[in-house]
Amino acid sequence: MTESLKVVRLQKALGYRFSKLELCQQALTHRSVSSKSNYERLEFMGDALLGVIIACYLYDRFPSEDEGRLTRLRSTLVRQDSLAAIAKDLKLGEYLILGSGEMKSGGHRRESILADAVEALIGAMYLDSSDLNIVRDVVLQWYEPYLTTLVPKDTLKDPKTRLQELLQAKHLPLPAYTLTATQGEAHNQTFTVECHVEGAPVTVGHGQSRRYAEQSAASELLQFLESLSPKIKSS
């Protein structure tokens, strides 16, 4: 894949188009490549911005919750494994710029590096746009599969995990996911997935990766099941 196609594909996955591509490149560059021009300063900024974005979202979403519960929920949403899950949805590992040692040791799969890159990209988008509202909208879009069915007692379990746990608790068959369509060129594809559970309607999810589409389909079915009765809740 050419460098230009990689840039197009990455920006589509992010849902943001950089005016200054050098900021995007810096946000993906690990210290093993350069001790001066790497993502660490952008990560510092992105970490602070992410905290504000998530805090404002939770404050508006849960007006009856006290600050203690909101703080715990925010911590869950911005911790390393949660950010790494976002990075995997975006396939950031494919775009990381690593030194040879980090590449050989699997740095593109390491959760700490993936999480750092997500925060660095947030910082880069803010410097590029100078508009926190734009950055907020992009970040919340990344989090959408995890926020759709969020309740204050939750840890950040993805919709597929929560759906499986709900079905297991009710002694119901586990879901099956079927890829029904793949559209677009290799560098710019949209996947369509159906989620099947015996006795429930088939739900459909779309995403820029099969995994993201599965999460979307699971989220749709989870919302349906939870709407049937107040007694049906995922853990």
C-alpha atoms as a PDB file:
ATOM      1  CA  MET A   1       0.000   0.000   0.000  1.00  0.00           C
ATOM      2  CA  THR A   2       1.401   3.416  -0.949  1.00  0.00           C
ATOM      3  CA  GLU A   3       1.989   6.054   1.693  1.00  0.00           C
ATOM      4  CA  SER A   4      -0.790   8.264   0.292  1.00  0.00           C
ATOM      5  CA  LEU A   5      -3.323   5.423   0.434  1.00  0.00           C
ATOM      6  CA  LYS A   6      -2.305   4.694   4.024  1.00  0.00           C
ATOM      7  CA  VAL A   7      -2.914   8.329   4.955  1.00  0.00           C
ATOM      8  CA  VAL A   8      -6.343   8.318   3.294  1.00  0.00           C
ATOM      9  CA  ARG A   9      -7.294   5.061   4.980  1.00  0.00           C
ATOM     10  CA  LEU A  10      -6.131   6.230   8.400  1.00  0.00           C
ATOM     11  CA  GLN A  11      -7.955   9.551   8.211  1.00  0.00           C
ATOM     12  CA  LYS A  12     -11.166   7.806   7.179  1.00  0.00           C
ATOM     13  CA  ALA A  13     -10.834   5.423  10.116  1.00  0.00           C
ATOM     14  CA  LEU A  14     -10.245   8.353  12.476  1.00  0.00           C
ATOM     15  CA  GLY A  15     -13.136  10.365  11.055  1.00  0.00           C
ATOM     16  CA  TYR A  16     -10.861  13.392  10.843  1.00  0.00           C
ATOM     17  CA  ARG A  17      -8.863  14.996   8.030  1.00  0.00           C
ATOM     18  CA  PHE A  18      -5.614  16.666   9.064  1.00  0.00           C
ATOM     19  CA  SER A  19      -4.577  19.987   7.572  1.00  0.00           C
ATOM     20  CA  LYS A  20      -1.091  19.458   8.977  1.00  0.00           C
ATOM     21  CA  LEU A  21      -0.159  15.857   8.249  1.00  0.00           C
ATOM     22  CA  GLU A  22       3.065  16.248  10.201  1.00  0.00           C
ATOM     23  CA  LEU A  23       1.006  16.368  13.412  1.00  0.00           C
ATOM     24  CA  CYS A  24      -0.636  13.074  12.522  1.00  0.00           C
ATOM     25  CA  GLN A  25       2.761  11.549  11.776  1.00  0.00           C
ATOM     26  CA  GLN A  26       4.191  12.784  15.054  1.00  0.00           C
ATOM     27  CA  ALA A  27       1.230  11.344  16.975  1.00  0.00           C
ATOM     28  CA  LEU A  28       2.078   7.902  15.611  1.00  0.00           C
ATOM     29  CA  THR A  29       5.855   8.093  16.107  1.00  0.00           C
ATOM     30  CA  HIS A  30       7.287   6.161  19.049  1.00  0.00           C
ATOM     31  CA  ARG A  31      10.256   7.298  21.105  1.00  0.00           C
ATOM     32  CA  SER A  32      12.282   4.408  19.669  1.00  0.00           C
ATOM     33  CA  VAL A  33      12.342   6.298  16.352  1.00  0.00           C
ATOM     34  CA  SER A  34      13.218   9.734  17.705  1.00  0.00           C
ATOM     35  CA  SER A  35      13.885  10.995  21.201  1.00  0.00           C
ATOM     36  CA  LYS A  36      12.768  14.511  20.188  1.00  0.00           C
ATOM     37  CA  SER A  37      10.077  14.164  17.530  1.00  0.00           C
ATOM     38  CA  ASN A  38       7.706  11.570  18.977  1.00  0.00           C
ATOM     39  CA  TYR A  39       4.194  11.394  20.387  1.00  0.00           C
ATOM     40  CA  GLU A  40       4.961  11.988  24.064  1.00  0.00           C
ATOM     41  CA  ARG A  41       4.149  15.714  24.225  1.00  0.00           C
ATOM     42  CA  LEU A  42       1.010  15.220  22.144  1.00  0.00           C
ATOM     43  CA  GLU A  43       0.047  12.346  24.447  1.00  0.00           C
ATOM     44  CA  PHE A  44       0.347  14.690  27.436  1.00  0.00           C
ATOM     45  CA  MET A  45      -2.082  17.113  25.833  1.00  0.00           C
ATOM     46  CA  GLY A  46      -4.420  14.408  24.569  1.00  0.00           C
ATOM     47  CA  ASP A  47      -4.669  12.813  28.004  1.00  0.00           C
ATOM     48  CA  ALA A  48      -5.917  16.094  29.495  1.00  0.00           C
ATOM     49  CA  LEU A  49      -8.331  16.755  26.627  1.00  0.00           C
ATOM     50  CA  LEU A  50      -9.755  13.239  26.781  1.00  0.00           C
ATOM     51  CA  GLY A  51     -10.438  13.666  30.488  1.00  0.00           C
ATOM     52  CA  VAL A  52     -12.404  16.862  29.792  1.00  0.00           C
ATOM     53  CA  ILE A  53     -14.349  15.323  26.892  1.00  0.00           C
ATOM     54  CA  ILE A  54     -15.357  12.222  28.839  1.00  0.00           C
ATOM     55  CA  ALA A  55     -16.123  14.190  32.023  1.00  0.00           C
ATOM     56  CA  CYS A  56     -18.450  16.557  30.133  1.00  0.00           C
ATOM     57  CA  TYR A  57     -20.147  13.648  28.385  1.00  0.00           C
ATOM     58  CA  LEU A  58     -20.770  11.776  31.653  1.00  0.00           C
ATOM     59  CA  TYR A  59     -21.920  14.936  33.450  1.00  0.00           C
ATOM     60  CA  ASP A  60     -24.578  15.525  30.798  1.00  0.00           C
ATOM     61  CA  ARG A  61     -25.503  11.857  30.329  1.00  0.00           C
ATOM     62  CA  PHE A  62     -26.012  11.021  34.015  1.00  0.00           C
ATOM     63  CA  PRO A  63     -27.404  14.121  35.792  1.00  0.00           C
ATOM     64  CA  SER A  64     -28.439  12.150  38.883  1.00  0.00           C
ATOM     65  CA  GLU A  65     -25.108  10.471  39.594  1.00  0.00           C
ATOM     66  CA  ASP A  66     -22.740  11.791  42.251  1.00  0.00           C
ATOM     67  CA  GLU A  67     -19.158  12.828  41.546  1.00  0.00           C
ATOM     68  CA  GLY A  68     -17.716   9.658  43.037  1.00  0.00           C
ATOM     69  CA  ARG A  69     -19.490   7.345  40.639  1.00  0.00           C
ATOM     70  CA  LEU A  70     -18.819   9.662  37.692  1.00  0.00           C
ATOM     71  CA  THR A  71     -15.131   9.715  38.596  1.00  0.00           C
ATOM     72  CA  ARG A  72     -14.942   5.920  38.679  1.00  0.00           C
ATOM     73  CA  LEU A  73     -16.741   5.664  35.382  1.00  0.00           C
ATOM     74  CA  ARG A  74     -14.469   8.248  33.767  1.00  0.00           C
ATOM     75  CA  SER A  75     -11.433   6.358  35.025  1.00  0.00           C
ATOM     76  CA  THR A  76     -12.776   3.178  33.450  1.00  0.00           C
ATOM     77  CA  LEU A  77     -13.323   4.876  30.101  1.00  0.00           C
ATOM     78  CA  VAL A  78      -9.869   6.464  29.869  1.00  0.00           C
ATOM     79  CA  ARG A  79      -7.699   3.699  31.315  1.00  0.00           C
ATOM     80  CA  GLN A  80      -5.074   1.924  29.217  1.00  0.00           C
ATOM     81  CA  ASP A  81      -7.013  -1.178  28.220  1.00  0.00           C
ATOM     82  CA  SER A  82     -10.021   0.923  27.207  1.00  0.00           C
ATOM     83  CA  LEU A  83      -7.873   3.159  25.010  1.00  0.00           C
ATOM     84  CA  ALA A  84      -6.173   0.106  23.539  1.00  0.00           C
ATOM     85  CA  ALA A  85      -9.618  -1.243  22.593  1.00  0.00           C
ATOM     86  CA  ILE A  86     -10.314   2.024  20.762  1.00  0.00           C
ATOM     87  CA  ALA A  87      -6.947   1.749  19.011  1.00  0.00           C
ATOM     88  CA  LYS A  88      -7.751  -1.784  17.869  1.00  0.00           C
ATOM     89  CA  ASP A  89     -11.114  -0.642  16.502  1.00  0.00           C
ATOM     90  CA  LEU A  90      -9.241   2.004  14.510  1.00  0.00           C
ATOM     91  CA  LYS A  91      -6.480  -0.484  13.546  1.00  0.00           C
ATOM     92  CA  LEU A  92      -3.845   1.984  14.725  1.00  0.00           C
ATOM     93  CA  GLY A  93      -1.248  -0.761  15.014  1.00  0.00           C
ATOM     94  CA  GLU A  94      -0.969  -0.740  11.222  1.00  0.00           C
ATOM     95  CA  TYR A  95       0.081   2.905  11.220  1.00  0.00           C
ATOM     96  CA  LEU A  96       2.446   3.169  14.191  1.00  0.00           C
ATOM     97  CA  ILE A  97       5.950   4.347  13.384  1.00  0.00           C
ATOM     98  CA  LEU A  98       8.314   2.238  15.503  1.00  0.00           C
ATOM     99  CA  GLY A  99      12.009   1.616  15.774  1.00  0.00           C
ATOM    100  CA  SER A 100      13.287  -1.755  14.589  1.00  0.00           C
ATOM    101  CA  GLY A 101      13.565  -3.107  18.128  1.00  0.00           C
ATOM    102  CA  GLU A 102       9.982  -2.201  18.978  1.00  0.00           C
ATOM    103  CA  MET A 103       8.750  -3.644  15.701  1.00  0.00           C
ATOM    104  CA  LYS A 104      10.505  -6.960  16.324  1.00  0.00           C
ATOM    105  CA  SER A 105       9.124  -7.163  19.855  1.00  0.00           C
ATOM    106  CA  GLY A 106       5.533  -6.616  18.689  1.00  0.00           C
ATOM    107  CA  GLY A 107       5.199  -2.986  19.713  1.00  0.00           C
ATOM    108  CA  HIS A 108       2.351  -2.449  17.254  1.00  0.00           C
ATOM    109  CA  ARG A 109       0.257  -4.783  19.432  1.00  0.00           C
ATOM    110  CA  ARG A 110       1.380  -3.505  22.844  1.00  0.00           C
ATOM    111  CA  GLU A 111      -1.519  -1.965  24.750  1.00  0.00           C
ATOM    112  CA  SER A 112       0.589   0.775  26.341  1.00  0.00           C
ATOM    113  CA  ILE A 113       1.790   2.028  22.953  1.00  0.00           C
ATOM    114  CA  LEU A 114      -1.650   1.775  21.372  1.00  0.00           C
ATOM    115  CA  ALA A 115      -3.214   3.711  24.246  1.00  0.00           C
ATOM    116  CA  ASP A 116      -0.521   6.392  24.065  1.00  0.00           C
ATOM    117  CA  ALA A 117      -1.120   6.792  20.328  1.00  0.00           C
ATOM    118  CA  VAL A 118      -4.849   7.353  20.842  1.00  0.00           C
ATOM    119  CA  GLU A 119      -4.153  10.148  23.326  1.00  0.00           C
ATOM    120  CA  ALA A 120      -1.478  11.615  21.059  1.00  0.00           C
ATOM    121  CA  LEU A 121      -3.907  11.704  18.134  1.00  0.00           C
ATOM    122  CA  ILE A 122      -6.399  13.589  20.288  1.00  0.00           C
ATOM    123  CA  GLY A 123      -3.715  16.154  21.072  1.00  0.00           C
ATOM    124  CA  ALA A 124      -2.738  16.340  17.399  1.00  0.00           C
ATOM    125  CA  MET A 125      -6.328  16.881  16.266  1.00  0.00           C
ATOM    126  CA  TYR A 126      -6.721  19.725  18.744  1.00  0.00           C
ATOM    127  CA  LEU A 127      -3.552  21.468  17.583  1.00  0.00           C
ATOM    128  CA  ASP A 128      -4.583  20.940  13.973  1.00  0.00           C
ATOM    129  CA  SER A 129      -8.157  22.218  14.362  1.00  0.00           C
ATOM    130  CA  SER A 130      -7.908  24.568  17.379  1.00  0.00           C
ATOM    131  CA  ASP A 131     -11.478  23.494  18.080  1.00  0.00           C
ATOM    132  CA  LEU A 132     -12.333  21.295  21.069  1.00  0.00           C
ATOM    133  CA  ASN A 133     -15.871  20.764  19.774  1.00  0.00           C
ATOM    134  CA  ILE A 134     -14.540  19.114  16.620  1.00  0.00           C
ATOM    135  CA  VAL A 135     -12.213  16.909  18.648  1.00  0.00           C
ATOM    136  CA  ARG A 136     -15.017  16.000  21.057  1.00  0.00           C
ATOM    137  CA  ASP A 137     -17.277  14.861  18.229  1.00  0.00           C
ATOM    138  CA  VAL A 138     -14.535  12.679  16.739  1.00  0.00           C
ATOM    139  CA  VAL A 139     -13.585  11.125  20.078  1.00  0.00           C
ATOM    140  CA  LEU A 140     -17.178  10.361  21.040  1.00  0.00           C
ATOM    141  CA  GLN A 141     -17.633   8.691  17.666  1.00  0.00           C
ATOM    142  CA  TRP A 142     -14.684   6.411  18.501  1.00  0.00           C
ATOM    143  CA  TYR A 143     -16.322   5.569  21.819  1.00  0.00           C
ATOM    144  CA  GLU A 144     -19.830   5.151  20.412  1.00  0.00           C
ATOM    145  CA  PRO A 145     -19.987   1.310  20.541  1.00  0.00           C
ATOM    146  CA  TYR A 146     -19.016   1.472  24.215  1.00  0.00           C
ATOM    147  CA  LEU A 147     -21.204   4.414  25.231  1.00  0.00           C
ATOM    148  CA  THR A 148     -24.457   3.303  23.606  1.00  0.00           C
ATOM    149  CA  THR A 149     -25.478   0.961  26.405  1.00  0.00           C
ATOM    150  CA  LEU A 150     -23.339   2.431  29.169  1.00  0.00           C
ATOM    151  CA  VAL A 151     -24.724   2.571  32.696  1.00  0.00           C
ATOM    152  CA  PRO A 152     -22.891   3.998  35.731  1.00  0.00           C
ATOM    153  CA  LYS A 153     -22.108   0.623  37.300  1.00  0.00           C
ATOM    154  CA  ASP A 154     -20.415  -0.627  34.133  1.00  0.00           C
ATOM    155  CA  THR A 155     -16.822  -1.305  33.528  1.00  0.00           C
ATOM    156  CA  LEU A 156     -15.940  -0.670  29.904  1.00  0.00           C
ATOM    157  CA  LYS A 157     -17.048  -3.981  28.495  1.00  0.00           C
ATOM    158  CA  ASP A 158     -17.599  -3.929  24.782  1.00  0.00           C
ATOM    159  CA  PRO A 159     -21.113  -4.707  23.484  1.00  0.00           C
ATOM    160  CA  LYS A 160     -20.173  -8.213  22.302  1.00  0.00           C
ATOM    161  CA  THR A 161     -18.932  -9.125  25.769  1.00  0.00           C
ATOM    162  CA  ARG A 162     -21.948  -7.622  27.500  1.00  0.00           C
ATOM    163  CA  LEU A 163     -24.354  -9.371  25.125  1.00  0.00           C
ATOM    164  CA  GLN A 164     -22.672 -12.715  25.705  1.00  0.00           C
ATOM    165  CA  GLU A 165     -22.770 -12.271  29.490  1.00  0.00           C
ATOM    166  CA  LEU A 166     -26.442 -11.301  29.376  1.00  0.00           C
ATOM    167  CA  LEU A 167     -27.347 -14.364  27.311  1.00  0.00           C
ATOM    168  CA  GLN A 168     -25.285 -16.672  29.523  1.00  0.00           C
ATOM    169  CA  ALA A 169     -26.989 -15.294  32.633  1.00  0.00           C
ATOM    170  CA  LYS A 170     -30.378 -16.087  31.071  1.00  0.00           C
ATOM    171  CA  HIS A 171     -29.185 -19.518  29.865  1.00  0.00           C
ATOM    172  CA  LEU A 172     -29.870 -18.494  26.273  1.00  0.00           C
ATOM    173  CA  PRO A 173     -27.942 -19.512  23.128  1.00  0.00           C
ATOM    174  CA  LEU A 174     -24.858 -17.438  22.377  1.00  0.00           C
ATOM    175  CA  PRO A 175     -24.862 -15.051  19.418  1.00  0.00           C
ATOM    176  CA  ALA A 176     -23.552 -15.874  15.956  1.00  0.00           C
ATOM    177  CA  TYR A 177     -22.113 -13.189  13.704  1.00  0.00           C
ATOM    178  CA  THR A 178     -22.310 -13.390   9.923  1.00  0.00           C
ATOM    179  CA  LEU A 179     -20.468 -11.131   7.512  1.00  0.00           C
ATOM    180  CA  THR A 180     -23.037 -10.305   4.833  1.00  0.00           C
ATOM    181  CA  ALA A 181     -21.328  -7.611   2.769  1.00  0.00           C
ATOM    182  CA  THR A 182     -18.022  -5.893   2.164  1.00  0.00           C
ATOM    183  CA  GLN A 183     -18.124  -2.727   0.105  1.00  0.00           C
ATOM    184  CA  GLY A 184     -15.461  -0.402  -1.229  1.00  0.00           C
ATOM    185  CA  GLU A 185     -11.828  -0.670  -2.228  1.00  0.00           C
ATOM    186  CA  ALA A 186      -9.333  -2.516  -0.049  1.00  0.00           C
ATOM    187  CA  HIS A 187      -8.128   0.718   1.546  1.00  0.00           C
ATOM    188  CA  ASN A 188     -11.613   2.089   2.153  1.00  0.00           C
ATOM    189  CA  GLN A 189     -14.035  -0.709   3.018  1.00  0.00           C
ATOM    190  CA  THR A 190     -17.314  -0.874   4.903  1.00  0.00           C
ATOM    191  CA  PHE A 191     -18.341  -4.173   6.485  1.00  0.00           C
ATOM    192  CA  THR A 192     -21.889  -5.307   7.203  1.00  0.00           C
ATOM    193  CA  VAL A 193     -22.486  -7.952   9.856  1.00  0.00           C
ATOM    194  CA  GLU A 194     -25.643  -9.639  11.142  1.00  0.00           C
ATOM    195  CA  CYS A 195     -26.019 -10.777  14.752  1.00  0.00           C
ATOM    196  CA  HIS A 196     -28.202 -13.868  15.232  1.00  0.00           C
ATOM    197  CA  VAL A 197     -29.610 -15.105  18.533  1.00  0.00           C
ATOM    198  CA  GLU A 198     -32.323 -17.748  18.635  1.00  0.00           C
ATOM    199  CA  GLY A 199     -35.684 -16.204  19.442  1.00  0.00           C
ATOM    200  CA  ALA A 200     -34.542 -12.628  18.858  1.00  0.00           C
ATOM    201  CA  PRO A 201     -34.679 -10.400  15.782  1.00  0.00           C
ATOM    202  CA  VAL A 202     -31.595 -10.267  13.584  1.00  0.00           C
ATOM    203  CA  THR A 203     -29.690  -7.022  14.050  1.00  0.00           C
ATOM    204  CA  VAL A 204     -27.322  -5.446  11.563  1.00  0.00           C
ATOM    205  CA  GLY A 205     -24.130  -3.505  12.183  1.00  0.00           C
ATOM    206  CA  HIS A 206     -21.836  -1.543   9.889  1.00  0.00           C
ATOM    207  CA  GLY A 207     -18.227  -0.510  10.404  1.00  0.00           C
ATOM    208  CA  GLN A 208     -14.859   0.131   8.839  1.00  0.00           C
ATOM    209  CA  SER A 209     -13.658  -3.207  10.179  1.00  0.00           C
ATOM    210  CA  ARG A 210     -15.432  -6.509  10.719  1.00  0.00           C
ATOM    211  CA  ARG A 211     -14.815  -6.224  14.453  1.00  0.00           C
ATOM    212  CA  TYR A 212     -16.394  -2.764  14.602  1.00  0.00           C
ATOM    213  CA  ALA A 213     -19.395  -3.991  12.601  1.00  0.00           C
ATOM    214  CA  GLU A 214     -19.852  -6.922  14.999  1.00  0.00           C
ATOM    215  CA  GLN A 215     -19.741  -4.541  17.974  1.00  0.00           C
ATOM    216  CA  SER A 216     -22.380  -2.365  16.308  1.00  0.00           C
ATOM    217  CA  ALA A 217     -24.693  -5.335  15.626  1.00  0.00           C
ATOM    218  CA  ALA A 218     -24.243  -6.616  19.190  1.00  0.00           C
ATOM    219  CA  SER A 219     -25.033  -3.160  20.571  1.00  0.00           C
ATOM    220  CA  GLU A 220     -28.303  -3.049  18.603  1.00  0.00           C
ATOM    221  CA  LEU A 221     -29.415  -6.429  19.914  1.00  0.00           C
ATOM    222  CA  LEU A 222     -28.345  -5.594  23.458  1.00  0.00           C
ATOM    223  CA  GLN A 223     -30.504  -2.464  23.415  1.00  0.00           C
ATOM    224  CA  PHE A 224     -33.461  -4.475  22.147  1.00  0.00           C
ATOM    225  CA  LEU A 225     -33.124  -7.157  24.821  1.00  0.00           C
ATOM    226  CA  GLU A 226     -32.721  -4.616  27.620  1.00  0.00           C
ATOM    227  CA  SER A 227     -35.824  -2.747  26.424  1.00  0.00           C
ATOM    228  CA  LEU A 228     -38.016  -5.831  26.824  1.00  0.00           C
ATOM    229  CA  SER A 229     -38.048  -5.697  30.595  1.00  0.00           C
ATOM    230  CA  PRO A 230     -36.422  -3.628  33.334  1.00  0.00           C
ATOM    231  CA  LYS A 231     -35.365  -6.943  34.835  1.00  0.00           C
ATOM    232  CA  ILE A 232     -33.142  -7.762  31.869  1.00  0.00           C
ATOM    233  CA  LYS A 233     -29.876  -5.953  32.349  1.00  0.00           C
ATOM    234  CA  SER A 234     -26.310  -6.758  31.376  1.00  0.00           C
ATOM    235  CA  SER A 235     -23.647  -6.727  34.035  1.00  0.00           C
END
